Amino acid sequence: MMKPRYTKSLGVLKNDRKSLGVLAVGFTLIELIIAVAIFSLVALAANQVLENVTSSSRISDQELESLQNLQRAMLVIERDFQQIADRIPRIQGVENKLIIDGGEFEFESDADGIAMVRSGWHNPQLMLPRSSLQNVIYRMQENQLQRLHTNFVDSVIGTEPKIRVLLEGIDDFRVEVLREIGTDDDFEWSQTIESTELPVAIQITIMSQQYGELRRVFQVSL
């Protein structure tokens, strides 16, 4: 009678089980420690890169916002000075002879201050109970460049102006006036701001802590 032919196969199966047992042993403690250490270093480096990117993005956003504020302020200033009106306002109910008023420490300014009437104040279809003229004051106070205005050109006693901060971090604010141009195209700027007639141009100089000296010249519409 013939014997079954599976003895050899059983031997091979036993050897395979032993091999599988050896493979199932896994990593040693030292290998796990090394793997965790490598993962920690990679995670630390990735976190540092993420922090640097986030910090750079935050600084970039702050610089962009500051530049946009500066651009908006310059647009407001340009619009005001280029639309100065030939109009003498009544201040606090008192008659006035000056079209442009101002000087050093005027209007409670820490530097120069200047006041004038500008035209072109938007009033669609005259829906608001005011004219298109606006009484405007510029001054520097507490390191801020401030713009003040009243709803009515001829203000009465006790009228409080509305204050808008255009720029912060300002160390100085200076105004010069060009009243005429010489025969040789000479430009004689005057630090005397008070004027009974419209000047040819107005020059402002702003000392900014962030941007340094900012100088703009505005031609006055005649």
Protein backbone atom coordinates (compact mmCIF):
# COMPACT_ATOMS: atom_id res chain seq x y z
CA MET A 1 0.00 0.00 0.00
CA MET A 2 1.43 3.41 -1.00
CA LYS A 3 2.03 6.17 1.65
CA PRO A 4 0.60 9.67 1.18
CA ARG A 5 3.01 12.12 -0.40
CA TYR A 6 2.66 15.17 1.81
CA THR A 7 5.45 14.81 4.37
CA LYS A 8 7.79 17.02 2.47
CA SER A 9 5.13 19.64 1.99
CA LEU A 10 4.47 19.75 5.71
CA GLY A 11 8.16 20.32 6.31
CA VAL A 12 8.21 23.21 3.92
CA LEU A 13 5.10 24.66 5.58
CA LYS A 14 6.75 24.49 8.99
CA ASN A 15 9.83 26.25 7.70
CA ASP A 16 7.64 28.98 6.17
CA ARG A 17 5.86 29.51 9.48
CA LYS A 18 9.22 29.90 11.22
CA SER A 19 10.24 32.49 8.61
CA LEU A 20 7.00 34.38 9.13
CA GLY A 21 7.59 34.34 12.86
CA VAL A 22 10.98 35.92 12.43
CA LEU A 23 9.54 38.66 10.20
CA ALA A 24 6.76 39.43 12.68
CA VAL A 25 9.24 40.41 15.37
CA GLY A 26 9.16 44.16 14.12
CA PHE A 27 11.45 47.09 15.00
CA THR A 28 13.74 47.23 17.96
CA LEU A 29 13.49 49.94 20.62
CA ILE A 30 16.57 51.73 19.28
CA GLU A 31 15.09 51.83 15.78
CA LEU A 32 11.85 53.32 17.14
CA ILE A 33 13.75 55.98 19.07
CA ILE A 34 15.75 56.93 15.98
CA ALA A 35 12.58 57.09 13.86
CA VAL A 36 10.82 59.31 16.41
CA ALA A 37 13.87 61.58 16.62
CA ILE A 38 14.02 61.96 12.83
CA PHE A 39 10.29 62.69 12.66
CA SER A 40 10.62 65.30 15.42
CA LEU A 41 13.45 67.07 13.58
CA VAL A 42 11.47 67.12 10.33
CA ALA A 43 8.36 68.42 12.13
CA LEU A 44 10.41 71.11 13.91
CA ALA A 45 11.96 72.28 10.63
CA ALA A 46 8.54 72.35 8.92
CA ASN A 47 7.06 74.35 11.81
CA GLN A 48 9.92 76.86 11.63
CA VAL A 49 9.38 77.30 7.89
CA LEU A 50 5.64 77.80 8.47
CA GLU A 51 6.30 80.43 11.16
CA ASN A 52 8.70 82.30 8.86
CA VAL A 53 6.18 82.29 6.01
CA THR A 54 3.37 83.45 8.32
CA SER A 55 5.54 86.23 9.79
CA SER A 56 6.63 87.41 6.33
CA SER A 57 3.03 87.42 5.14
CA ARG A 58 1.93 89.44 8.19
CA ILE A 59 4.71 92.01 7.70
CA SER A 60 3.89 92.26 3.99
CA ASP A 61 0.20 92.84 4.75
CA GLN A 62 1.09 95.56 7.27
CA GLU A 63 3.40 97.30 4.78
CA LEU A 64 0.74 97.10 2.08
CA GLU A 65 -1.92 98.54 4.39
CA SER A 66 0.41 101.36 5.43
CA LEU A 67 1.20 102.19 1.80
CA GLN A 68 -2.50 102.17 0.90
CA ASN A 69 -3.22 104.56 3.80
CA LEU A 70 -0.49 106.88 2.54
CA GLN A 71 -1.91 106.81 -0.99
CA ARG A 72 -5.42 107.56 0.27
CA ALA A 73 -4.15 110.44 2.40
CA MET A 74 -2.27 111.96 -0.53
CA LEU A 75 -5.36 111.71 -2.73
CA VAL A 76 -7.44 113.54 -0.12
CA ILE A 77 -4.77 116.24 0.30
CA GLU A 78 -4.39 116.65 -3.46
CA ARG A 79 -8.14 116.97 -3.96
CA ASP A 80 -8.40 119.63 -1.24
CA PHE A 81 -5.47 121.80 -2.30
CA GLN A 82 -6.20 121.66 -6.00
CA GLN A 83 -9.80 122.76 -5.41
CA ILE A 84 -9.22 125.73 -3.12
CA ALA A 85 -12.05 128.19 -3.66
CA ASP A 86 -11.85 131.96 -3.82
CA ARG A 87 -14.12 132.22 -0.80
CA ILE A 88 -13.62 134.00 2.53
CA PRO A 89 -15.27 132.02 5.33
CA ARG A 90 -16.79 133.35 8.51
CA ILE A 91 -15.08 131.64 11.45
CA GLN A 92 -17.03 131.09 14.67
CA GLY A 93 -19.44 133.80 13.56
CA VAL A 94 -16.62 136.35 13.16
CA GLU A 95 -15.89 138.14 9.88
CA ASN A 96 -12.63 137.16 8.21
CA LYS A 97 -10.51 138.74 5.49
CA LEU A 98 -8.29 135.79 4.61
CA ILE A 99 -8.90 133.26 1.88
CA ILE A 100 -6.12 131.08 3.30
CA ASP A 101 -5.28 131.23 6.98
CA GLY A 102 -2.60 129.48 8.96
CA GLY A 103 0.91 129.49 10.32
CA GLU A 104 3.07 127.79 12.90
CA PHE A 105 1.08 126.39 15.86
CA GLU A 106 -2.17 127.66 14.37
CA PHE A 107 -5.36 125.67 15.04
CA GLU A 108 -3.70 123.94 18.01
CA SER A 109 -1.17 122.34 15.69
CA ASP A 110 2.21 121.07 16.91
CA ALA A 111 3.72 122.35 13.65
CA ASP A 112 2.16 124.33 10.80
CA GLY A 113 -1.57 124.59 10.33
CA ILE A 114 -3.53 125.75 7.32
CA ALA A 115 -7.22 126.51 6.71
CA MET A 116 -9.07 127.14 3.46
CA VAL A 117 -12.35 126.57 1.66
CA ARG A 118 -12.45 123.89 -1.02
CA SER A 119 -15.03 123.35 -3.72
CA GLY A 120 -16.30 120.14 -5.25
CA TRP A 121 -17.68 118.59 -2.06
CA HIS A 122 -19.96 115.96 -3.52
CA ASN A 123 -23.64 116.62 -2.90
CA PRO A 124 -25.67 114.50 -5.34
CA GLN A 125 -28.71 116.41 -6.65
CA LEU A 126 -28.38 118.77 -3.66
CA MET A 127 -30.06 116.17 -1.46
CA LEU A 128 -28.06 117.23 1.61
CA PRO A 129 -28.81 120.58 3.29
CA ARG A 130 -25.39 122.04 2.55
CA SER A 131 -23.42 123.53 -0.33
CA SER A 132 -20.61 121.92 -2.30
CA LEU A 133 -18.09 124.12 -0.46
CA GLN A 134 -16.26 122.82 2.58
CA ASN A 135 -14.17 124.55 5.23
CA VAL A 136 -10.99 122.48 5.71
CA ILE A 137 -8.12 122.64 8.21
CA TYR A 138 -4.89 120.64 8.21
CA ARG A 139 -2.76 120.32 11.30
CA MET A 140 -0.33 117.99 13.08
CA GLN A 141 -1.26 116.92 16.59
CA GLU A 142 0.07 114.04 18.71
CA ASN A 143 2.15 112.78 15.75
CA GLN A 144 -0.95 112.62 13.58
CA LEU A 145 -1.73 114.50 10.41
CA GLN A 146 -5.33 115.53 10.95
CA ARG A 147 -7.95 116.92 8.59
CA LEU A 148 -10.77 118.96 10.15
CA HIS A 149 -13.91 120.15 8.43
CA THR A 150 -17.32 121.63 9.20
CA ASN A 151 -20.55 120.99 7.36
CA PHE A 152 -21.06 124.70 6.71
CA VAL A 153 -18.49 127.19 5.45
CA ASP A 154 -19.66 130.03 7.67
CA SER A 155 -19.57 128.36 11.07
CA VAL A 156 -21.32 129.81 14.07
CA ILE A 157 -20.04 130.13 17.62
CA GLY A 158 -19.55 126.79 19.29
CA THR A 159 -19.27 124.75 16.07
CA GLU A 160 -17.06 121.72 16.65
CA PRO A 161 -15.24 120.45 13.55
CA LYS A 162 -15.12 116.82 12.57
CA ILE A 163 -11.62 115.35 12.86
CA ARG A 164 -10.18 112.72 10.53
CA VAL A 165 -6.73 111.20 11.06
CA LEU A 166 -5.01 110.87 7.70
CA LEU A 167 -1.56 109.69 8.77
CA GLU A 168 0.12 108.53 11.97
CA GLY A 169 3.77 108.54 12.99
CA ILE A 170 4.31 112.11 11.76
CA ASP A 171 7.13 114.19 13.27
CA ASP A 172 6.67 117.44 11.34
CA PHE A 173 4.29 119.20 8.97
CA ARG A 174 5.31 122.30 7.02
CA VAL A 175 3.45 124.45 4.50
CA GLU A 176 4.90 126.95 2.01
CA VAL A 177 3.09 129.17 -0.46
CA LEU A 178 4.10 130.29 -3.95
CA ARG A 179 2.36 133.56 -4.75
CA GLU A 180 3.98 134.39 -8.06
CA ILE A 181 6.53 133.14 -10.54
CA GLY A 182 9.43 135.44 -11.39
CA THR A 183 10.45 136.51 -14.88
CA ASP A 184 13.25 133.95 -14.88
CA ASP A 185 10.93 131.20 -13.65
CA ASP A 186 12.19 131.76 -10.13
CA PHE A 187 10.19 130.06 -7.40
CA GLU A 188 10.16 132.04 -4.18
CA TRP A 189 8.34 129.97 -1.59
CA SER A 190 7.00 131.85 1.39
CA GLN A 191 6.48 130.41 4.86
CA THR A 192 3.82 133.06 5.47
CA ILE A 193 0.65 131.10 4.85
CA GLU A 194 -1.94 133.84 5.41
CA SER A 195 -3.20 135.13 2.10
CA THR A 196 -6.00 137.40 0.90
CA GLU A 197 -5.87 135.94 -2.62
CA LEU A 198 -5.31 132.54 -4.15
CA PRO A 199 -1.64 131.55 -4.53
CA VAL A 200 -0.11 129.91 -7.58
CA ALA A 201 0.83 126.75 -5.71
CA ILE A 202 1.16 125.28 -2.23
CA GLN A 203 3.95 123.00 -1.08
CA ILE A 204 3.63 120.67 1.91
CA THR A 205 6.40 118.72 3.60
CA ILE A 206 5.58 115.79 5.85
CA MET A 207 8.22 114.09 8.00
CA SER A 208 7.12 110.49 8.43
CA GLN A 209 8.74 108.07 10.84
CA GLN A 210 8.25 105.27 8.32
CA TYR A 211 8.82 106.94 4.94
CA GLY A 212 11.04 109.89 5.82
CA GLU A 213 10.48 113.24 4.11
CA LEU A 214 7.43 113.45 1.86
CA ARG A 215 7.12 116.61 -0.23
CA ARG A 216 4.28 117.47 -2.58
CA VAL A 217 3.55 120.58 -4.64
CA PHE A 218 -0.04 121.34 -5.62
CA GLN A 219 -1.01 123.83 -8.28
CA VAL A 220 -4.02 125.81 -7.17
CA SER A 221 -6.85 126.03 -9.70
CA LEU A 222 -7.41 129.66 -10.69
